[in-house]
Amino acid sequence: MAQHIRRTPRKMPSVRKHGFSALLLFAILGVSVWTWLNISAKNKPAKRPNIEVTLPQPSAGEPSGLEFQLPDLLANDNIPPGVNPTESVALVGEPRRQAPVVGAPPRPSSGPASSPIVIDGRTLDDNRKTIINFTPLPPAPIVGMSRMTSFGPVPAPHKDGRTALGAYAKPFTPKADTKYISLVVGGLGINPMLTRKAINELPGAVTLSFAAEAPGLQSWINQARARGHEVMIELPMQGDGPSEQRTLRIGVPEDNNIRNLEYALSQAQGYFAVTNYDGARLVNDEAALLPIVKYLKTAGLGFVYDGALEGARIDALSRREGLPIITANAYIDGTQQDSASVRRSIQALHAKSYDNVPIGMGFSYPGTIDGVRAWLANKPANIELAPVSHALKSR
């Protein structure tokens, strides 16, 4: 049986009580607003009276304070129209020049110009054109001047008789009453920074020599020829120490050396000659040298021996077999590689003999490159550079 729950109704407040509460609330709000308005009125600042100020008027011809201009503190730095500020910049060793001022009368000379820096009787800016100017050589390879091997193309005479020695060497015509020396900077292609330094900072008359296995060898040769340098590649030859796998060496079958030789020659094109890298043992072994010399002659190349061993057999053997060869006279950085020492070595080189063109061999040291440039900037007036191919042909 369902149980019924009885709810007790709540008694609601009366209307009278609600009205009283509302009136009380409005009264409280009204008192609060009135109190706030009175407090705000007491804290409000007093109104300031308007005061008129009359400034004294300047007399006729007298500038007013409002027209006063501040001085231009940068007036001396302003560049007049039509003036090139860089004309006043002097290079090392040059007398200072002053930029002209537009509209100004010529200034009288107050005395001699500042003296240029002089070393060994020559100013530093001498022969600057020799260092800066260059004539690009034609791009390599020349069509018809190579043959294919299992490693790639290697130099070969053209059917019209041209050889790499003649086609890839730097054209050169000696001047009358001028003495010449030749400089070679080698070991390039291994250190990119020094390779770029040699290519870009040395004049085109300096012959550059690259390691046969240098990464990107063809690109380096192309850059060098574009800057006017003739180039050689270096054949790794057996010395007194351990030999690498592709080194030309003694006591191995002839085919081994020919294969390694073809590998080295195929790494790039555009060189007129080769030179040795080491080779203290191989250059005195005629049995091992003979097939190498014959191959180079057939390829139409020349050979520049660094002269590390006096009286090496490679010189006499090459001449007997008809391979164009020349031996360098000295290393310009053999004992010291700083700029000053290299410069002195070159001075000693051109002082030795002028019957032939002396050849100085150097390596890709920073001091070697700087030393060549220092010598060029201060060399005797009657001495000039010739590419080593000229020395090879003239001897």
Protein backbone atom coordinates (compact mmCIF):
# COMPACT_ATOMS: atom_id res chain seq x y z
CA MET A 1 0.00 0.00 0.00
CA ALA A 2 1.50 3.29 -1.16
CA GLN A 3 2.54 5.70 1.54
CA HIS A 4 1.53 9.33 1.08
CA ILE A 5 4.01 12.01 2.20
CA ARG A 6 2.41 15.22 3.32
CA ARG A 7 4.39 18.37 2.60
CA THR A 8 4.06 21.39 4.87
CA PRO A 9 3.74 24.58 2.76
CA ARG A 10 6.19 27.45 3.53
CA LYS A 11 4.79 30.81 4.44
CA MET A 12 5.92 33.46 1.87
CA PRO A 13 6.97 36.96 3.05
CA SER A 14 4.34 39.61 2.68
CA VAL A 15 4.37 42.35 0.03
CA ARG A 16 4.67 44.99 2.70
CA LYS A 17 7.91 43.57 3.97
CA HIS A 18 9.43 43.53 0.40
CA GLY A 19 8.55 47.14 -0.18
CA PHE A 20 10.18 48.27 3.02
CA SER A 21 13.41 46.48 2.14
CA ALA A 22 13.55 48.15 -1.29
CA LEU A 23 13.07 51.63 0.15
CA LEU A 24 15.83 51.03 2.69
CA LEU A 25 18.24 49.96 -0.09
CA PHE A 26 17.57 53.05 -2.19
CA ALA A 27 18.13 55.27 0.85
CA ILE A 28 21.52 53.72 1.51
CA LEU A 29 22.62 54.16 -2.15
CA GLY A 30 21.53 57.78 -2.16
CA VAL A 31 23.51 58.62 0.97
CA SER A 32 26.62 56.91 -0.48
CA VAL A 33 26.48 58.87 -3.74
CA TRP A 34 25.99 62.18 -1.94
CA THR A 35 28.93 61.50 0.37
CA TRP A 36 31.26 60.60 -2.58
CA LEU A 37 30.34 63.78 -4.50
CA ASN A 38 31.15 65.96 -1.51
CA ILE A 39 34.53 64.34 -0.93
CA SER A 40 35.48 64.71 -4.63
CA ALA A 41 34.54 68.37 -4.64
CA LYS A 42 36.81 69.10 -1.66
CA ASN A 43 39.86 67.38 -3.32
CA LYS A 44 39.47 69.10 -6.72
CA PRO A 45 42.32 71.66 -7.36
CA ALA A 46 41.37 75.27 -7.62
CA LYS A 47 41.04 76.68 -11.12
CA ARG A 48 44.12 78.59 -12.21
CA PRO A 49 43.62 82.08 -13.56
CA ASN A 50 44.58 82.75 -17.19
CA ILE A 51 47.85 84.71 -17.37
CA GLU A 52 48.83 86.36 -20.63
CA VAL A 53 52.58 86.65 -21.33
CA THR A 54 53.77 89.16 -23.88
CA LEU A 55 57.23 88.51 -25.35
CA PRO A 56 59.34 91.53 -26.27
CA GLN A 57 59.51 92.10 -30.01
CA PRO A 58 63.01 92.24 -31.55
CA SER A 59 64.09 95.42 -33.15
CA ALA A 60 64.62 95.68 -36.89
CA GLY A 61 67.55 93.56 -38.10
CA GLU A 62 67.88 91.72 -34.83
CA PRO A 63 67.25 87.92 -35.04
CA SER A 64 64.57 86.61 -32.77
CA GLY A 65 65.17 83.72 -30.39
CA LEU A 66 62.78 81.56 -32.39
CA GLU A 67 65.00 81.87 -35.46
CA PHE A 68 68.18 80.74 -33.71
CA GLN A 69 69.88 77.72 -35.45
CA LEU A 70 72.06 75.17 -33.67
CA PRO A 71 75.53 74.64 -35.20
CA ASP A 72 75.97 71.63 -37.56
CA LEU A 73 78.56 69.53 -35.73
CA LEU A 74 78.90 67.16 -38.76
CA ALA A 75 79.50 69.90 -41.31
CA ASN A 76 83.07 68.74 -41.92
CA ASP A 77 81.85 65.24 -42.72
CA ASN A 78 79.42 66.30 -45.40
CA ILE A 79 80.46 65.16 -48.90
CA PRO A 80 79.92 67.84 -51.58
CA PRO A 81 78.16 66.73 -54.78
CA GLY A 82 80.51 65.35 -57.42
CA VAL A 83 83.31 64.45 -55.01
CA ASN A 84 84.55 60.85 -54.67
CA PRO A 85 85.70 60.39 -51.04
CA THR A 86 87.77 57.30 -51.91
CA GLU A 87 90.17 59.40 -53.99
CA SER A 88 91.84 60.45 -50.78
CA VAL A 89 92.62 56.86 -49.77
CA ALA A 90 96.27 56.02 -50.44
CA LEU A 91 97.67 52.55 -50.90
CA VAL A 92 100.64 51.37 -48.88
CA GLY A 93 103.74 53.16 -50.10
CA GLU A 94 101.86 55.82 -52.08
CA PRO A 95 101.99 59.55 -51.24
CA ARG A 96 98.76 60.74 -49.67
CA ARG A 97 96.29 62.62 -51.86
CA GLN A 98 93.67 65.10 -50.71
CA ALA A 99 90.17 65.00 -52.16
CA PRO A 100 89.30 68.21 -54.07
CA VAL A 101 86.61 70.54 -52.76
CA VAL A 102 84.08 71.70 -55.32
CA GLY A 103 84.32 75.42 -55.97
CA ALA A 104 87.45 75.91 -53.88
CA PRO A 105 90.52 77.56 -55.46
CA PRO A 106 93.59 75.39 -55.89
CA ARG A 107 95.65 75.24 -52.74
CA PRO A 108 99.32 76.11 -52.95
CA SER A 109 101.76 73.38 -52.16
CA SER A 110 102.95 73.55 -48.60
CA GLY A 111 105.89 71.28 -49.21
CA PRO A 112 106.89 67.93 -50.73
CA ALA A 113 104.49 64.99 -50.50
CA SER A 114 105.07 62.38 -47.83
CA SER A 115 107.81 59.97 -48.82
CA PRO A 116 106.71 56.49 -50.00
CA ILE A 117 107.96 53.38 -48.24
CA VAL A 118 111.15 52.19 -49.94
CA ILE A 119 112.74 48.74 -49.63
CA ASP A 120 116.02 47.98 -51.42
CA GLY A 121 115.62 51.16 -53.43
CA ARG A 122 112.16 50.23 -54.74
CA THR A 123 108.77 51.48 -53.58
CA LEU A 124 106.14 48.99 -52.50
CA ASP A 125 103.81 49.95 -55.34
CA ASP A 126 106.39 49.12 -58.02
CA ASN A 127 105.33 46.44 -60.48
CA ARG A 128 101.78 46.36 -59.09
CA LYS A 129 100.46 45.77 -62.60
CA THR A 130 102.58 42.64 -62.83
CA ILE A 131 100.77 41.25 -59.81
CA ILE A 132 97.24 42.36 -60.66
CA ASN A 133 97.01 41.99 -64.42
CA PHE A 134 96.67 38.62 -66.12
CA THR A 135 95.69 37.20 -69.48
CA PRO A 136 93.48 34.07 -69.34
CA LEU A 137 94.69 30.96 -71.12
CA PRO A 138 92.32 29.05 -73.42
CA PRO A 139 90.10 26.50 -71.65
CA ALA A 140 91.24 22.89 -71.58
CA PRO A 141 91.01 20.32 -73.05
CA ILE A 142 91.77 21.11 -76.67
CA VAL A 143 89.89 18.79 -79.01
CA GLY A 144 92.11 16.13 -80.55
CA MET A 145 94.90 16.34 -77.97
CA SER A 146 94.13 13.25 -75.91
CA ARG A 147 93.58 9.53 -76.21
CA MET A 148 91.40 7.23 -74.13
CA THR A 149 92.75 4.76 -71.55
CA SER A 150 91.01 2.52 -69.04
CA PHE A 151 91.17 5.39 -66.52
CA GLY A 152 90.12 8.17 -68.90
CA PRO A 153 91.73 10.51 -71.44
CA VAL A 154 95.47 11.19 -71.25
CA PRO A 155 97.55 13.68 -73.29
CA ALA A 156 98.49 12.72 -76.85
CA PRO A 157 99.86 14.70 -79.81
CA HIS A 158 97.31 16.19 -82.20
CA LYS A 159 97.23 14.84 -85.74
CA ASP A 160 98.50 18.26 -86.91
CA GLY A 161 101.65 17.80 -84.79
CA ARG A 162 100.75 19.96 -81.79
CA THR A 163 101.72 18.60 -78.39
CA ALA A 164 100.63 19.40 -74.84
CA LEU A 165 104.02 21.04 -74.24
CA GLY A 166 103.33 23.58 -76.97
CA ALA A 167 99.55 23.91 -76.72
CA TYR A 168 99.06 24.16 -72.96
CA ALA A 169 102.19 26.17 -72.07
CA LYS A 170 101.78 29.89 -71.46
CA PRO A 171 102.64 31.92 -74.58
CA PHE A 172 105.69 34.05 -73.91
CA THR A 173 107.93 36.36 -75.90
CA PRO A 174 111.06 37.62 -74.11
CA LYS A 175 111.98 41.28 -74.32
CA ALA A 176 115.38 42.50 -75.42
CA ASP A 177 117.89 43.55 -72.75
CA THR A 178 115.86 41.84 -70.03
CA LYS A 179 116.91 38.99 -67.79
CA TYR A 180 114.45 36.40 -66.59
CA ILE A 181 113.93 33.88 -63.82
CA SER A 182 111.18 31.27 -63.46
CA LEU A 183 109.27 30.37 -60.30
CA VAL A 184 107.15 27.30 -59.61
CA VAL A 185 104.79 26.96 -56.66
CA GLY A 186 103.75 23.34 -56.11
CA GLY A 187 101.83 21.08 -53.79
CA LEU A 188 98.57 22.75 -54.80
CA GLY A 189 95.10 21.25 -54.74
CA ILE A 190 95.36 19.68 -51.27
CA ASN A 191 94.67 22.79 -49.18
CA PRO A 192 91.81 24.73 -50.84
CA MET A 193 92.56 28.02 -49.06
CA LEU A 194 96.24 28.06 -50.06
CA THR A 195 95.40 26.86 -53.58
CA ARG A 196 93.01 29.79 -54.09
CA LYS A 197 95.60 32.14 -52.60
CA ALA A 198 98.26 31.01 -55.08
CA ILE A 199 95.90 31.13 -58.06
CA ASN A 200 94.47 34.56 -57.28
CA GLU A 201 97.40 36.42 -55.71
CA LEU A 202 100.34 35.34 -57.86
CA PRO A 203 100.86 36.77 -61.35
CA GLY A 204 100.22 34.54 -64.35
CA ALA A 205 103.93 34.24 -65.07
CA VAL A 206 104.31 32.00 -61.99
CA THR A 207 103.88 28.33 -62.97
CA LEU A 208 101.61 26.32 -60.66
CA SER A 209 102.01 22.62 -59.92
CA PHE A 210 99.18 20.41 -58.61
CA ALA A 211 99.13 17.07 -56.84
CA ALA A 212 97.87 14.43 -59.29
CA GLU A 213 95.35 13.02 -56.80
CA ALA A 214 94.05 16.36 -55.54
CA PRO A 215 90.24 16.38 -55.22
CA GLY A 216 88.61 18.37 -58.02
CA LEU A 217 91.88 18.61 -59.94
CA GLN A 218 90.28 19.61 -63.24
CA SER A 219 88.41 22.47 -61.57
CA TRP A 220 91.63 23.77 -59.99
CA ILE A 221 93.45 23.60 -63.34
CA ASN A 222 90.59 25.44 -65.04
CA GLN A 223 90.71 28.21 -62.42
CA ALA A 224 94.48 28.52 -62.69
CA ARG A 225 94.43 28.76 -66.48
CA ALA A 226 91.61 31.33 -66.30
CA ARG A 227 93.97 33.47 -64.17
CA GLY A 228 96.79 33.12 -66.72
CA HIS A 229 98.85 30.36 -65.04
CA GLU A 230 100.31 27.44 -66.94
CA VAL A 231 100.15 24.28 -64.86
CA MET A 232 101.92 21.00 -64.22
CA ILE A 233 100.90 17.89 -62.29
CA GLU A 234 103.11 16.05 -59.81
CA LEU A 235 103.84 12.36 -60.29
CA PRO A 236 104.33 10.50 -56.99
CA MET A 237 107.72 8.76 -57.20
CA GLN A 238 109.45 6.41 -54.79
CA GLY A 239 111.66 8.10 -52.25
CA ASP A 240 113.49 6.85 -49.19
CA GLY A 241 110.34 6.38 -47.12
CA PRO A 242 107.29 4.12 -47.57
CA SER A 243 105.40 4.44 -50.86
CA GLU A 244 101.70 4.76 -51.53
CA GLN A 245 99.86 2.28 -53.72
CA ARG A 246 99.96 4.35 -56.94
CA THR A 247 103.55 5.54 -56.55
CA LEU A 248 105.96 4.99 -59.45
CA ARG A 249 108.66 2.76 -58.00
CA ILE A 250 111.64 0.53 -58.63
CA GLY A 251 111.61 -3.27 -58.53
CA VAL A 252 108.08 -3.73 -59.92
CA PRO A 253 106.89 -4.95 -63.34
CA GLU A 254 106.91 -2.32 -66.04
CA ASP A 255 103.15 -2.64 -66.53
CA ASN A 256 102.53 -1.64 -62.92
CA ASN A 257 104.30 1.68 -63.33
CA ILE A 258 102.68 2.40 -66.69
CA ARG A 259 99.24 1.70 -65.22
CA ASN A 260 99.93 4.03 -62.29
CA LEU A 261 101.32 6.64 -64.68
CA GLU A 262 98.18 6.53 -66.84
CA TYR A 263 96.02 6.84 -63.75
CA ALA A 264 97.85 10.03 -62.69
CA LEU A 265 97.78 11.55 -66.18
CA SER A 266 94.04 10.84 -66.56
CA GLN A 267 92.99 12.90 -63.53
CA ALA A 268 92.80 16.14 -65.54
CA GLN A 269 93.80 17.83 -68.77
CA GLY A 270 95.40 21.14 -69.57
CA TYR A 271 98.94 20.66 -68.18
CA PHE A 272 102.01 21.09 -70.39
CA ALA A 273 104.48 19.07 -68.29
CA VAL A 274 104.88 16.91 -65.23
CA THR A 275 107.21 17.15 -62.27
CA ASN A 276 108.27 14.75 -59.55
CA TYR A 277 106.85 14.46 -56.07
CA ASP A 278 109.73 12.98 -54.03
CA GLY A 279 111.49 10.28 -56.10
CA ALA A 280 114.86 10.19 -54.37
CA ARG A 281 115.27 6.49 -55.31
CA LEU A 282 113.45 6.34 -58.64
CA VAL A 283 115.26 9.27 -60.32
CA ASN A 284 118.55 7.35 -60.14
CA ASP A 285 117.25 3.99 -61.39
CA GLU A 286 117.44 3.97 -65.19
CA ALA A 287 115.84 0.53 -65.54
CA ALA A 288 112.65 1.68 -63.80
CA LEU A 289 112.75 5.15 -65.37
CA LEU A 290 113.16 4.14 -69.02
CA PRO A 291 109.55 3.04 -69.77
CA ILE A 292 108.20 6.08 -67.86
CA VAL A 293 110.41 8.49 -69.83
CA LYS A 294 109.42 6.90 -73.14
CA TYR A 295 105.72 7.12 -72.26
CA LEU A 296 105.96 10.82 -71.36
CA LYS A 297 107.80 11.59 -74.59
CA THR A 298 105.11 9.80 -76.63
CA ALA A 299 102.43 11.76 -74.77
CA GLY A 300 104.00 15.05 -75.88
CA LEU A 301 104.77 16.28 -72.36
CA GLY A 302 107.78 17.93 -70.78
CA PHE A 303 109.43 17.14 -67.44
CA VAL A 304 110.62 19.61 -64.78
CA TYR A 305 112.82 17.94 -62.18
CA ASP A 306 112.94 19.72 -58.81
CA GLY A 307 116.72 19.22 -58.53
CA ALA A 308 116.60 17.71 -55.04
CA LEU A 309 119.44 15.32 -56.00
CA GLU A 310 122.38 16.79 -57.87
CA GLY A 311 123.34 14.76 -60.94
CA ALA A 312 120.21 12.58 -60.89
CA ARG A 313 120.11 10.00 -63.71
CA ILE A 314 116.68 11.15 -64.88
CA ASP A 315 118.21 14.21 -66.56
CA ALA A 316 120.73 12.36 -68.74
CA LEU A 317 118.28 9.55 -69.55
CA SER A 318 115.53 11.95 -70.63
CA ARG A 319 117.87 13.89 -72.88
CA ARG A 320 119.07 10.68 -74.47
CA GLU A 321 115.48 9.54 -75.14
CA GLY A 322 114.34 12.94 -76.43
CA LEU A 323 112.05 13.89 -73.53
CA PRO A 324 112.21 17.69 -72.96
CA ILE A 325 113.53 18.08 -69.41
CA ILE A 326 114.91 20.83 -67.23
CA THR A 327 116.29 20.76 -63.68
CA ALA A 328 115.46 23.51 -61.17
CA ASN A 329 118.32 25.46 -59.68
CA ALA A 330 117.11 25.79 -56.07
CA TYR A 331 114.28 25.56 -53.61
CA ILE A 332 113.15 29.00 -52.53
CA ASP A 333 111.62 27.65 -49.29
CA GLY A 334 113.73 24.59 -48.60
CA THR A 335 114.89 25.59 -45.12
CA GLN A 336 112.66 28.52 -44.09
CA GLN A 337 109.14 29.26 -45.25
CA ASP A 338 108.56 32.83 -44.04
CA SER A 339 108.08 35.67 -46.50
CA ALA A 340 111.39 37.43 -45.82
CA SER A 341 113.45 34.23 -46.22
CA VAL A 342 111.70 33.32 -49.47
CA ARG A 343 112.32 36.79 -50.82
CA ARG A 344 116.03 36.53 -50.02
CA SER A 345 116.19 33.10 -51.68
CA ILE A 346 114.75 34.53 -54.89
CA GLN A 347 117.24 37.38 -54.77
CA ALA A 348 120.09 34.87 -54.46
CA LEU A 349 118.61 32.86 -57.32
CA HIS A 350 118.56 35.68 -59.86
CA ALA A 351 122.04 36.75 -58.78
CA LYS A 352 123.59 33.38 -59.69
CA SER A 353 123.57 33.23 -63.46
CA TYR A 354 121.90 34.83 -66.44
CA ASP A 355 123.26 32.54 -69.13
CA ASN A 356 120.11 30.49 -68.79
CA VAL A 357 116.81 31.18 -67.05
CA PRO A 358 117.24 30.11 -63.39
CA ILE A 359 114.34 28.16 -61.89
CA GLY A 360 113.20 28.35 -58.28
CA MET A 361 110.87 25.70 -56.87
CA GLY A 362 108.58 26.43 -53.94
CA PHE A 363 105.78 24.78 -52.04
CA SER A 364 102.32 26.00 -51.13
CA TYR A 365 103.23 27.67 -47.84
CA PRO A 366 101.60 31.02 -47.02
CA GLY A 367 105.07 32.55 -46.58
CA THR A 368 106.16 31.26 -49.99
CA ILE A 369 103.27 32.95 -51.77
CA ASP A 370 103.76 36.17 -49.80
CA GLY A 371 107.50 36.04 -50.37
CA VAL A 372 107.07 35.80 -54.14
CA ARG A 373 104.77 38.81 -54.07
CA ALA A 374 107.20 40.76 -51.88
CA TRP A 375 110.06 40.07 -54.29
CA LEU A 376 107.94 41.10 -57.27
CA ALA A 377 107.03 44.38 -55.60
CA ASN A 378 110.69 45.28 -55.06
CA LYS A 379 112.63 43.41 -57.72
CA PRO A 380 115.36 45.04 -59.83
CA ALA A 381 114.02 46.83 -62.87
CA ASN A 382 115.96 44.65 -65.32
CA ILE A 383 114.67 41.32 -63.96
CA GLU A 384 111.33 39.83 -65.02
CA LEU A 385 109.42 36.60 -64.54
CA ALA A 386 109.11 34.00 -67.27
CA PRO A 387 106.95 30.86 -67.15
CA VAL A 388 108.98 27.74 -66.57
CA SER A 389 107.94 26.44 -70.02
CA HIS A 390 110.05 29.24 -71.51
CA ALA A 391 113.06 28.07 -69.51
CA LEU A 392 112.39 24.50 -70.63
CA LYS A 393 112.23 25.45 -74.29
CA SER A 394 115.12 27.92 -74.20
CA ARG A 395 117.54 25.45 -72.63
